[in-house]
Amino acid sequence: MRKILFLLLIPTFLFAQEQPKIGLVLSGGGAKGFAHVGVLKQLEKAGVQVDYVGGTSMGAIIGGLYSAGYSANQIEKIIEGADFMSLLQDKVSRNNKPFFMKQHGEKYAISLPIKKGGVGLPLGLSKGQNVLNFLTELLAPVDNVNDFSKLPIPFYCIATNIETGKEVILEKGSLPLALRASGAFPSLLNPVDIDGKLLVDGGVVNNFPVDIMKTKNMDLIIGVNVQGELLKRKELESVASILLQIINFQMYEKADEQVKLLDICLKPNILEYSVISFDKKQEILTEGIRVAKPYKVVFDSIAKLQKAKKRRPQLKFSNDKILVDRIIIKGNKNYTNNYILGKLQLKEGDSVSYNDISKKISSLTATKNFERIDYHFEKSFKGKKLELKVKEDNIKSFLRFGLHYDLLYKSAVLLNYSHKKLLKQNDEFSFDVGIGDRIRYNLNYFIDNGLLPSYGFSSRYNSFRGAFLFNDAVINRINIRYIDFTNAVHLQTTVDKKFAFGIGLENKKIKITSETILTNDKETVFDNSNYVNAFTFLKLDTYNKKMFPTSGFYADVDFKWFIWSDRNENINQKEIVLTNKYSQFSQLSGTLGFAKTFYDKLTFQYTSEAGYTLGNVASGIFDFNLGGYNKNYINNFKSFYGYEIGALSNQSFLKSEFNFRYSVFDKQYATFIANYARVENDIFADGKLFKNTKSGYALGYSVETLLGPVEIKYSWSPDHKEKYWLFNLGFWF
């Protein structure tokens, strides 16, 4: 009854106003804020002119876009097209990641910064750079407006000073940065530094800033409240829920006071949704429309009284190319302008769109050397001046963790220590240690000179044990212990973060032993020698994901010339049982592949591998060994479904793998794999490339988890009767 009476009295009140000014306040609420768009659509449908907008968090973002000139329908399309979870997680396209990171950085489940000598926690799960890029691109048409009262609709938003706990009203400066600060949900997004104040989500102190609107001399204030309610006792079942309840006490208490200041309060029924219900966009927006429809009479009355309406130009985002005739970079101390421009792949005189700039900023973000990157354009003589403001990340060291299990290396915990700027401003150091059934380590040091030749050093220790097939009348299988200790230096040039080529020098210490053959306790030593080789390589990687790619190409080709070994000396001293003499030889090997997805669900991935030996490796130590399924094999061991590790072995091979992968659910895949190979002393000798081809097949199911992929496969071959169950857990290392 009170609601009906209120609806009747509002038009009477408004008739007393010659040109009523309408203020609109939008509360925070995460994904629940999509309901604001539904209300805006009803206001526009009635023809209501909003004269001032205020908001907090998601309310600030929706309100900021509306104030900048976007219509409700345009904002709806923006929301529909945005992947909010990717934005919040600061996901960077793999094509934008540095080549070094593609090779060595995609195997960790947890990453912790090292601060002042101790391991700490990040300020938030995300730096929020993707959110800032998203807002900057959308608000590019008004990037020259630094006073929010000069926007098509005057605007303000609220943030919280995390040092003092005080409310901060943002009405000037960078609009994208203000919106990013207002929505910096604590622990989810990093705080934002504006004018020396460290700011987080405004919802902490004022999630529904109606009181600020009361100071703007509006005749009538409409508010949309999408906040939740305090949890019931039965819902307080965890530390997280109790902490959330404590935070909400002040927020909801103040919200009740703010509601009393409103003339019209719309409260959508969205209690079933959470702040991260980004997959329920349309349902939440529809609820905003539903809750606003009963106010049609009021909205129509307001619109009729607003006779002197301002012509509100509809904002149209342009993705036209802009001539960048000047580039200004501010805030960089340790990284030169050339380094930054090299990562951006941008120079004065280039023509780029706003979308291009966002992608280039993502490339710079992917280096993880910058905490924040702001940019805007200003008019210049011939085109536009691009001004970049960077804030360098002071964290140089990280401790990372991973977990893995497979049938060859068994279980292992991965510990990684990474350090930037260890010896030079542009270097990367990474040290992996696998602790478990098979001790392993990988050390990589790389100095990145951008387009100029870069160089690095790598060291690896790897060992495993396996029961290998043995062609002997008495013994058909022997237990082998394989140890590899490799050190290498290399020069490398990288192009566009996708393509790399280079040369290097490598020393391998190979030790292969067995306790199967001799009856006494002494182990049999097949090899315990050093091998030195000079190598050249070419790599291409445009896969969109390292595991389960859905698009892109991959190539890895290398040529090695083995120029020296102490094997003959070991033979003379009778330290090894294989007496085949060493002589110089070369090997060419490579992998080519691509992935293509059809109908969004079905991915076809093709991989071709080949290897060929020039010269004679009589000892068999560097034969190509096919079998098994591991993706972490070293040297010349190659996977081949349907056969166990090393079952097919010789000096040359040709292999093709056809992988059909269907996405059953999100991050869950059913897989069928068919692979075929020819393994011979010389696959080209008789001119019959596909003679004596071996085949193998596998069916599997895989799930992507925080620890990495969990995979189970059933493998077989029509060439023999053996069947194999294969299992692995975690990222491969």
Foldseek 3Di string as FASTA:
>chain_A
DVVVVLLVVLLVLCVVPLAFAEEEWEFDFALLSLLVLLLQVLLVVLQFDHQEYEAFASSLVVRLLVLQFAGSVRVLVVLVPDDVVCQLQLDFFPLLAFLVCVVPPDFFLDKFFADPNHTDHDFANELNQSQLLSLCLSNQVVQVFFFQVPGLHRYWYWWAQPVPRDIDIDGGGGSSLRNSQQNQAGRRHAFDQDPNTGIHHRLLQERTPLVVVVVVPGPAYEYEDADEDADDPVPPDDPVNVVVNVSVPNSVVVVVVSVVSHSHYFYFPDNVDHSPVSVCSVVSNVSSNVSNVVSSSSSNSSSVSNPPDDDRDRDDRDFFWWQAQAEAEPADDLDDPCRLCLQLVDDHGDIGGSVSNSSSVSSVVSVVQFSHKDWHWDQDDPTIHIYIYTHTDPGFKMWTWAWKAWDWQGTWIKIKIKGACPPGSQKIWMKIWTDDSWTKIKIKIWGDPRQDKIKIKIWIWGKTWDWAADPDPVDGTFIKIKIKIKIKIWIWGDDSSFKMKTKIKMKIFIWMWTCPPDPDRDIATAGGKIWIKIKIKIWGDPFSDPPPGAWDKIKIKMKIKTDDMCGQVCLVVVVHDQNDDDDIKMKIKMKIKTWHDDPVFKIKIKMKIKMAIGDDPPSQPQWQFEDDDDPQDDRRWYYAFAGHTRRATERIKIKMKIKIWGPPDVQKIKIKMKMKMDGDNGCPVVPPNCPPIWIKMKIKMWGQDSSGIWIWIWMHGPVDDDIDIITMDGGHD
